[in-house]
Amino acid sequence: MAKPKRSKKKPTRAGANKKAASSRKFASKPKPKQPAKKARAASIPKKKTAKKSVTERNTSPSTVKRAAPVPQPEPTLVPVPLPGGVRPRRPDELNERSAHLDKIKQLFESAPISRYLGMSLGYCENGVARVRLPFRKDFEEGHGVIHGGLIGLLGDTAGNFAVGSVSPGSTVKTVEYKLSLLTGVQGDLLAIGEVVRKGRTLATCRLEIVEGNDRVVAIGLATYALQAV
């Protein structure tokens, strides 16, 4: 039995117009261009890196040993000139100063109180004086320690001669002093006097009493009057 032939449908006008529009749409889009980086990179020749030799590798900054520092010569001392207004020292000034200090030491040693108590004058220069007093049993009070009045006398003596070391041509007399006793003491004493301020007629001095060489037992201040000889 023969199969019936299928009739081919003719395309309608609307379908033809839709097909033509879609073909125009795809035809109007330009094709994307391929990136030019690959072509440009392919055209540039690769640089050849030369291999470092054995000597170059051994002399690289990381492997080179630092040389020992060269000792620098010691700087030479150049004398600095005195600025304007500073009085240069006279040649005979040093002799006058040493003569004044010798006179102070003789005054200390000739004082009856120094000989009676056994005090000795150590350093006495540049506004500082140190006076030593060896311990004696006669210095004790009823409680077995050195009398406070004796400690005050020792400090006053150190301050007096500290001021005298920077006051040539003047006599030094005590105006007042205040001494704070920090603790009882029974031993050798060292009194230190140091000039804090010196004027034309008055001088202030700091006092410190030490037992042995390191234990401070009294501190104070003293004022002294300067009178021209």
C-alpha atoms as a PDB file:
ATOM      1  CA  MET A   1       0.000   0.000   0.000  1.00  0.00           C
ATOM      2  CA  ALA A   2       1.532   3.339  -0.992  1.00  0.00           C
ATOM      3  CA  LYS A   3       2.325   5.946   1.757  1.00  0.00           C
ATOM      4  CA  PRO A   4       0.609   9.268   1.339  1.00  0.00           C
ATOM      5  CA  LYS A   5       2.914  12.094   0.411  1.00  0.00           C
ATOM      6  CA  ARG A   6       3.376  14.814   2.976  1.00  0.00           C
ATOM      7  CA  SER A   7       2.763  18.241   1.675  1.00  0.00           C
ATOM      8  CA  LYS A   8       5.450  20.775   2.341  1.00  0.00           C
ATOM      9  CA  LYS A   9       4.247  23.876   4.119  1.00  0.00           C
ATOM     10  CA  LYS A  10       5.128  27.082   2.506  1.00  0.00           C
ATOM     11  CA  PRO A  11       6.705  29.634   4.762  1.00  0.00           C
ATOM     12  CA  THR A  12       4.467  32.485   5.684  1.00  0.00           C
ATOM     13  CA  ARG A  13       5.431  36.114   5.241  1.00  0.00           C
ATOM     14  CA  ALA A  14       5.721  36.713   9.021  1.00  0.00           C
ATOM     15  CA  GLY A  15       8.113  33.817   9.477  1.00  0.00           C
ATOM     16  CA  ALA A  16      10.247  34.991   6.600  1.00  0.00           C
ATOM     17  CA  ASN A  17      10.486  38.494   8.016  1.00  0.00           C
ATOM     18  CA  LYS A  18      11.530  37.136  11.482  1.00  0.00           C
ATOM     19  CA  LYS A  19      14.233  34.973   9.940  1.00  0.00           C
ATOM     20  CA  ALA A  20      15.604  37.825   7.908  1.00  0.00           C
ATOM     21  CA  ALA A  21      15.732  40.127  10.958  1.00  0.00           C
ATOM     22  CA  SER A  22      17.652  37.567  12.995  1.00  0.00           C
ATOM     23  CA  SER A  23      20.159  37.078  10.191  1.00  0.00           C
ATOM     24  CA  ARG A  24      20.704  40.846   9.962  1.00  0.00           C
ATOM     25  CA  LYS A  25      21.209  41.026  13.750  1.00  0.00           C
ATOM     26  CA  PHE A  26      23.976  38.442  13.758  1.00  0.00           C
ATOM     27  CA  ALA A  27      25.521  39.870  10.642  1.00  0.00           C
ATOM     28  CA  SER A  28      25.788  43.378  12.166  1.00  0.00           C
ATOM     29  CA  LYS A  29      27.801  42.268  15.222  1.00  0.00           C
ATOM     30  CA  PRO A  30      31.545  42.548  14.572  1.00  0.00           C
ATOM     31  CA  LYS A  31      33.745  39.679  15.510  1.00  0.00           C
ATOM     32  CA  PRO A  32      35.826  40.298  18.679  1.00  0.00           C
ATOM     33  CA  LYS A  33      39.444  41.032  17.997  1.00  0.00           C
ATOM     34  CA  GLN A  34      42.053  38.808  19.469  1.00  0.00           C
ATOM     35  CA  PRO A  35      44.342  40.489  22.075  1.00  0.00           C
ATOM     36  CA  ALA A  36      47.574  41.770  20.646  1.00  0.00           C
ATOM     37  CA  LYS A  37      49.617  41.013  23.781  1.00  0.00           C
ATOM     38  CA  LYS A  38      50.427  37.524  22.700  1.00  0.00           C
ATOM     39  CA  ALA A  39      51.615  38.674  19.319  1.00  0.00           C
ATOM     40  CA  ARG A  40      53.631  41.489  20.826  1.00  0.00           C
ATOM     41  CA  ALA A  41      55.191  39.183  23.396  1.00  0.00           C
ATOM     42  CA  ALA A  42      56.051  36.667  20.745  1.00  0.00           C
ATOM     43  CA  SER A  43      57.805  39.330  18.678  1.00  0.00           C
ATOM     44  CA  ILE A  44      60.104  40.485  21.553  1.00  0.00           C
ATOM     45  CA  PRO A  45      63.161  38.250  21.826  1.00  0.00           C
ATOM     46  CA  LYS A  46      64.001  36.861  25.250  1.00  0.00           C
ATOM     47  CA  LYS A  47      67.136  38.180  26.939  1.00  0.00           C
ATOM     48  CA  LYS A  48      69.748  35.646  27.670  1.00  0.00           C
ATOM     49  CA  THR A  49      71.099  35.791  31.223  1.00  0.00           C
ATOM     50  CA  ALA A  50      74.729  35.039  31.450  1.00  0.00           C
ATOM     51  CA  LYS A  51      75.792  32.643  34.144  1.00  0.00           C
ATOM     52  CA  LYS A  52      78.030  34.066  36.843  1.00  0.00           C
ATOM     53  CA  SER A  53      81.496  32.701  37.040  1.00  0.00           C
ATOM     54  CA  VAL A  54      82.930  31.119  40.160  1.00  0.00           C
ATOM     55  CA  THR A  55      84.949  34.256  41.000  1.00  0.00           C
ATOM     56  CA  GLU A  56      81.905  36.511  40.622  1.00  0.00           C
ATOM     57  CA  ARG A  57      79.862  34.284  42.909  1.00  0.00           C
ATOM     58  CA  ASN A  58      82.607  34.267  45.517  1.00  0.00           C
ATOM     59  CA  THR A  59      82.935  38.076  45.405  1.00  0.00           C
ATOM     60  CA  SER A  60      79.216  38.825  45.815  1.00  0.00           C
ATOM     61  CA  PRO A  61      78.292  41.303  48.620  1.00  0.00           C
ATOM     62  CA  SER A  62      76.881  38.517  50.775  1.00  0.00           C
ATOM     63  CA  THR A  63      80.101  36.500  50.735  1.00  0.00           C
ATOM     64  CA  VAL A  64      82.748  39.249  50.833  1.00  0.00           C
ATOM     65  CA  LYS A  65      84.368  39.516  54.264  1.00  0.00           C
ATOM     66  CA  ARG A  66      84.538  42.984  55.786  1.00  0.00           C
ATOM     67  CA  ALA A  67      87.980  44.336  56.377  1.00  0.00           C
ATOM     68  CA  ALA A  68      89.051  45.171  59.931  1.00  0.00           C
ATOM     69  CA  PRO A  69      88.515  48.861  60.864  1.00  0.00           C
ATOM     70  CA  VAL A  70      91.591  50.991  60.493  1.00  0.00           C
ATOM     71  CA  PRO A  71      92.527  52.639  63.828  1.00  0.00           C
ATOM     72  CA  GLN A  72      92.099  56.393  63.691  1.00  0.00           C
ATOM     73  CA  PRO A  73      94.849  58.645  65.020  1.00  0.00           C
ATOM     74  CA  GLU A  74      94.179  60.362  68.321  1.00  0.00           C
ATOM     75  CA  PRO A  75      93.042  63.981  67.991  1.00  0.00           C
ATOM     76  CA  THR A  76      95.544  66.610  68.948  1.00  0.00           C
ATOM     77  CA  LEU A  77      94.560  69.065  71.647  1.00  0.00           C
ATOM     78  CA  VAL A  78      94.589  72.667  70.488  1.00  0.00           C
ATOM     79  CA  PRO A  79      94.713  75.335  73.229  1.00  0.00           C
ATOM     80  CA  VAL A  80      91.569  77.459  73.245  1.00  0.00           C
ATOM     81  CA  PRO A  81      92.174  81.216  73.542  1.00  0.00           C
ATOM     82  CA  LEU A  82      90.611  83.024  76.469  1.00  0.00           C
ATOM     83  CA  PRO A  83      87.366  84.840  75.578  1.00  0.00           C
ATOM     84  CA  GLY A  84      87.155  88.581  75.968  1.00  0.00           C
ATOM     85  CA  GLY A  85      86.713  89.805  79.518  1.00  0.00           C
ATOM     86  CA  VAL A  86      88.455  86.834  81.201  1.00  0.00           C
ATOM     87  CA  ARG A  87      91.453  87.897  83.209  1.00  0.00           C
ATOM     88  CA  PRO A  88      94.515  85.705  82.556  1.00  0.00           C
ATOM     89  CA  ARG A  89      96.287  84.397  85.627  1.00  0.00           C
ATOM     90  CA  ARG A  90      99.302  86.352  86.685  1.00  0.00           C
ATOM     91  CA  PRO A  91     102.604  84.483  87.024  1.00  0.00           C
ATOM     92  CA  ASP A  92     102.812  85.341  90.726  1.00  0.00           C
ATOM     93  CA  GLU A  93      99.161  84.497  91.452  1.00  0.00           C
ATOM     94  CA  LEU A  94      99.866  80.808  91.999  1.00  0.00           C
ATOM     95  CA  ASN A  95     102.540  81.654  94.564  1.00  0.00           C
ATOM     96  CA  GLU A  96     100.153  83.990  96.387  1.00  0.00           C
ATOM     97  CA  ARG A  97      97.482  81.303  96.515  1.00  0.00           C
ATOM     98  CA  SER A  98      99.824  78.627  97.869  1.00  0.00           C
ATOM     99  CA  ALA A  99     101.134  81.115 100.456  1.00  0.00           C
ATOM    100  CA  HIS A 100      97.577  81.834 101.571  1.00  0.00           C
ATOM    101  CA  LEU A 101      96.769  78.108 101.998  1.00  0.00           C
ATOM    102  CA  ASP A 102      99.967  77.585 103.979  1.00  0.00           C
ATOM    103  CA  LYS A 103      98.948  80.434 106.241  1.00  0.00           C
ATOM    104  CA  ILE A 104      95.531  78.842 106.845  1.00  0.00           C
ATOM    105  CA  LYS A 105      97.067  75.497 107.780  1.00  0.00           C
ATOM    106  CA  GLN A 106      99.452  77.184 110.210  1.00  0.00           C
ATOM    107  CA  LEU A 107      96.513  79.016 111.770  1.00  0.00           C
ATOM    108  CA  PHE A 108      94.654  75.716 112.260  1.00  0.00           C
ATOM    109  CA  GLU A 109      97.608  73.918 113.811  1.00  0.00           C
ATOM    110  CA  SER A 110      98.395  76.784 116.151  1.00  0.00           C
ATOM    111  CA  ALA A 111      94.839  77.030 117.504  1.00  0.00           C
ATOM    112  CA  PRO A 112      94.674  75.720 121.137  1.00  0.00           C
ATOM    113  CA  ILE A 113      91.332  73.975 120.543  1.00  0.00           C
ATOM    114  CA  SER A 114      92.812  71.974 117.647  1.00  0.00           C
ATOM    115  CA  ARG A 115      95.707  70.748 119.767  1.00  0.00           C
ATOM    116  CA  TYR A 116      93.477  70.020 122.789  1.00  0.00           C
ATOM    117  CA  LEU A 117      90.948  67.901 120.867  1.00  0.00           C
ATOM    118  CA  GLY A 118      93.450  66.351 118.474  1.00  0.00           C
ATOM    119  CA  MET A 119      91.771  67.671 115.282  1.00  0.00           C
ATOM    120  CA  SER A 120      93.682  67.595 112.002  1.00  0.00           C
ATOM    121  CA  LEU A 121      93.063  69.586 108.819  1.00  0.00           C
ATOM    122  CA  GLY A 122      93.139  67.502 105.658  1.00  0.00           C
ATOM    123  CA  TYR A 123      92.063  69.027 102.362  1.00  0.00           C
ATOM    124  CA  CYS A 124      91.540  72.807 102.479  1.00  0.00           C
ATOM    125  CA  GLU A 125      91.230  74.389  99.028  1.00  0.00           C
ATOM    126  CA  ASN A 126      88.689  75.822  96.548  1.00  0.00           C
ATOM    127  CA  GLY A 127      86.018  76.414  99.195  1.00  0.00           C
ATOM    128  CA  VAL A 128      86.131  72.881 100.669  1.00  0.00           C
ATOM    129  CA  ALA A 129      87.700  71.776 103.961  1.00  0.00           C
ATOM    130  CA  ARG A 130      87.888  68.401 105.724  1.00  0.00           C
ATOM    131  CA  VAL A 131      88.610  68.170 109.427  1.00  0.00           C
ATOM    132  CA  ARG A 132      89.177  64.850 111.232  1.00  0.00           C
ATOM    133  CA  LEU A 133      88.641  64.091 114.902  1.00  0.00           C
ATOM    134  CA  PRO A 134      89.879  60.745 116.293  1.00  0.00           C
ATOM    135  CA  PHE A 135      87.573  59.214 118.896  1.00  0.00           C
ATOM    136  CA  ARG A 136      88.452  59.484 122.590  1.00  0.00           C
ATOM    137  CA  LYS A 137      86.582  58.192 125.592  1.00  0.00           C
ATOM    138  CA  ASP A 138      86.624  61.716 127.045  1.00  0.00           C
ATOM    139  CA  PHE A 139      84.220  62.870 124.293  1.00  0.00           C
ATOM    140  CA  GLU A 140      81.349  60.674 125.518  1.00  0.00           C
ATOM    141  CA  GLU A 141      78.335  61.978 127.383  1.00  0.00           C
ATOM    142  CA  GLY A 142      76.405  59.989 129.990  1.00  0.00           C
ATOM    143  CA  HIS A 143      74.704  57.721 127.387  1.00  0.00           C
ATOM    144  CA  GLY A 144      77.943  56.451 125.892  1.00  0.00           C
ATOM    145  CA  VAL A 145      77.928  58.512 122.668  1.00  0.00           C
ATOM    146  CA  ILE A 146      79.900  61.603 121.571  1.00  0.00           C
ATOM    147  CA  HIS A 147      78.436  64.852 122.908  1.00  0.00           C
ATOM    148  CA  GLY A 148      76.412  66.790 120.317  1.00  0.00           C
ATOM    149  CA  GLY A 149      78.155  70.048 121.167  1.00  0.00           C
ATOM    150  CA  LEU A 150      81.466  68.538 120.159  1.00  0.00           C
ATOM    151  CA  ILE A 151      79.979  67.437 116.817  1.00  0.00           C
ATOM    152  CA  GLY A 152      78.752  71.002 116.267  1.00  0.00           C
ATOM    153  CA  LEU A 153      82.196  72.408 117.075  1.00  0.00           C
ATOM    154  CA  LEU A 154      83.767  70.048 114.549  1.00  0.00           C
ATOM    155  CA  GLY A 155      81.316  71.049 111.792  1.00  0.00           C
ATOM    156  CA  ASP A 156      81.748  74.765 112.521  1.00  0.00           C
ATOM    157  CA  THR A 157      85.529  74.414 112.270  1.00  0.00           C
ATOM    158  CA  ALA A 158      85.274  72.725 108.852  1.00  0.00           C
ATOM    159  CA  GLY A 159      82.950  75.446 107.541  1.00  0.00           C
ATOM    160  CA  ASN A 160      85.158  78.224 108.895  1.00  0.00           C
ATOM    161  CA  PHE A 161      88.276  76.982 107.114  1.00  0.00           C
ATOM    162  CA  ALA A 162      86.335  76.193 103.912  1.00  0.00           C
ATOM    163  CA  VAL A 163      85.373  79.871 103.705  1.00  0.00           C
ATOM    164  CA  GLY A 164      88.898  80.927 104.677  1.00  0.00           C
ATOM    165  CA  SER A 165      90.376  79.005 101.730  1.00  0.00           C
ATOM    166  CA  VAL A 166      88.650  81.380  99.264  1.00  0.00           C
ATOM    167  CA  SER A 167      88.909  84.580 101.336  1.00  0.00           C
ATOM    168  CA  PRO A 168      92.487  85.863 101.230  1.00  0.00           C
ATOM    169  CA  GLY A 169      93.042  89.052 103.190  1.00  0.00           C
ATOM    170  CA  SER A 170      89.962  88.530 105.403  1.00  0.00           C
ATOM    171  CA  THR A 171      89.246  87.051 108.791  1.00  0.00           C
ATOM    172  CA  VAL A 172      86.324  84.599 109.069  1.00  0.00           C
ATOM    173  CA  LYS A 173      83.999  84.694 112.069  1.00  0.00           C
ATOM    174  CA  THR A 174      80.984  82.505 112.771  1.00  0.00           C
ATOM    175  CA  VAL A 175      77.611  84.288 112.719  1.00  0.00           C
ATOM    176  CA  GLU A 176      75.328  81.280 113.180  1.00  0.00           C
ATOM    177  CA  TYR A 177      75.071  77.605 112.366  1.00  0.00           C
ATOM    178  CA  LYS A 178      72.377  74.943 112.574  1.00  0.00           C
ATOM    179  CA  LEU A 179      73.240  71.270 112.783  1.00  0.00           C
ATOM    180  CA  SER A 180      70.810  68.338 112.739  1.00  0.00           C
ATOM    181  CA  LEU A 181      72.078  65.241 114.544  1.00  0.00           C
ATOM    182  CA  LEU A 182      70.793  62.183 112.715  1.00  0.00           C
ATOM    183  CA  THR A 183      72.007  59.457 115.062  1.00  0.00           C
ATOM    184  CA  GLY A 184      74.265  58.783 118.018  1.00  0.00           C
ATOM    185  CA  VAL A 185      77.882  58.170 117.186  1.00  0.00           C
ATOM    186  CA  GLN A 186      80.857  56.581 118.880  1.00  0.00           C
ATOM    187  CA  GLY A 187      83.864  56.557 116.592  1.00  0.00           C
ATOM    188  CA  ASP A 188      86.227  58.632 114.459  1.00  0.00           C
ATOM    189  CA  LEU A 189      84.556  61.627 112.826  1.00  0.00           C
ATOM    190  CA  LEU A 190      85.139  63.527 109.586  1.00  0.00           C
ATOM    191  CA  ALA A 191      83.613  66.998 109.115  1.00  0.00           C
ATOM    192  CA  ILE A 192      83.224  68.395 105.579  1.00  0.00           C
ATOM    193  CA  GLY A 193      82.571  72.095 104.964  1.00  0.00           C
ATOM    194  CA  GLU A 194      81.653  73.368 101.487  1.00  0.00           C
ATOM    195  CA  VAL A 195      80.987  76.972 100.496  1.00  0.00           C
ATOM    196  CA  VAL A 196      77.553  77.357  98.881  1.00  0.00           C
ATOM    197  CA  ARG A 197      77.556  81.123  98.318  1.00  0.00           C
ATOM    198  CA  LYS A 198      80.085  83.845  99.057  1.00  0.00           C
ATOM    199  CA  GLY A 199      79.485  87.571  99.005  1.00  0.00           C
ATOM    200  CA  ARG A 200      81.534  90.567 100.043  1.00  0.00           C
ATOM    201  CA  THR A 201      80.654  90.382 103.753  1.00  0.00           C
ATOM    202  CA  LEU A 202      78.869  87.031 104.264  1.00  0.00           C
ATOM    203  CA  ALA A 203      79.409  83.437 103.171  1.00  0.00           C
ATOM    204  CA  THR A 204      77.100  80.424 103.487  1.00  0.00           C
ATOM    205  CA  CYS A 205      78.531  76.964 103.956  1.00  0.00           C
ATOM    206  CA  ARG A 206      77.080  73.458 103.952  1.00  0.00           C
ATOM    207  CA  LEU A 207      78.195  71.131 106.743  1.00  0.00           C
ATOM    208  CA  GLU A 208      78.284  67.348 106.876  1.00  0.00           C
ATOM    209  CA  ILE A 209      79.613  65.058 109.617  1.00  0.00           C
ATOM    210  CA  VAL A 210      80.541  61.500 108.701  1.00  0.00           C
ATOM    211  CA  GLU A 211      81.481  58.597 110.955  1.00  0.00           C
ATOM    212  CA  GLY A 212      84.358  56.705 109.430  1.00  0.00           C
ATOM    213  CA  ASN A 213      84.042  57.264 105.682  1.00  0.00           C
ATOM    214  CA  ASP A 214      80.470  56.454 104.712  1.00  0.00           C
ATOM    215  CA  ARG A 215      77.939  56.961 107.527  1.00  0.00           C
ATOM    216  CA  VAL A 216      76.451  60.477 107.682  1.00  0.00           C
ATOM    217  CA  VAL A 217      75.565  61.362 111.276  1.00  0.00           C
ATOM    218  CA  ALA A 218      74.828  65.127 111.022  1.00  0.00           C
ATOM    219  CA  ILE A 219      74.095  67.789 108.395  1.00  0.00           C
ATOM    220  CA  GLY A 220      73.673  71.555 108.645  1.00  0.00           C
ATOM    221  CA  LEU A 221      74.261  75.097 107.347  1.00  0.00           C
ATOM    222  CA  ALA A 222      76.467  77.867 108.684  1.00  0.00           C
ATOM    223  CA  THR A 223      76.897  81.589 108.008  1.00  0.00           C
ATOM    224  CA  TYR A 224      80.220  83.397 108.367  1.00  0.00           C
ATOM    225  CA  ALA A 225      81.166  87.070 108.373  1.00  0.00           C
ATOM    226  CA  LEU A 226      84.152  88.312 106.367  1.00  0.00           C
ATOM    227  CA  GLN A 227      86.177  91.187 107.782  1.00  0.00           C
ATOM    228  CA  ALA A 228      89.114  92.767 106.033  1.00  0.00           C
ATOM    229  CA  VAL A 229      92.360  92.549 107.919  1.00  0.00           C
END
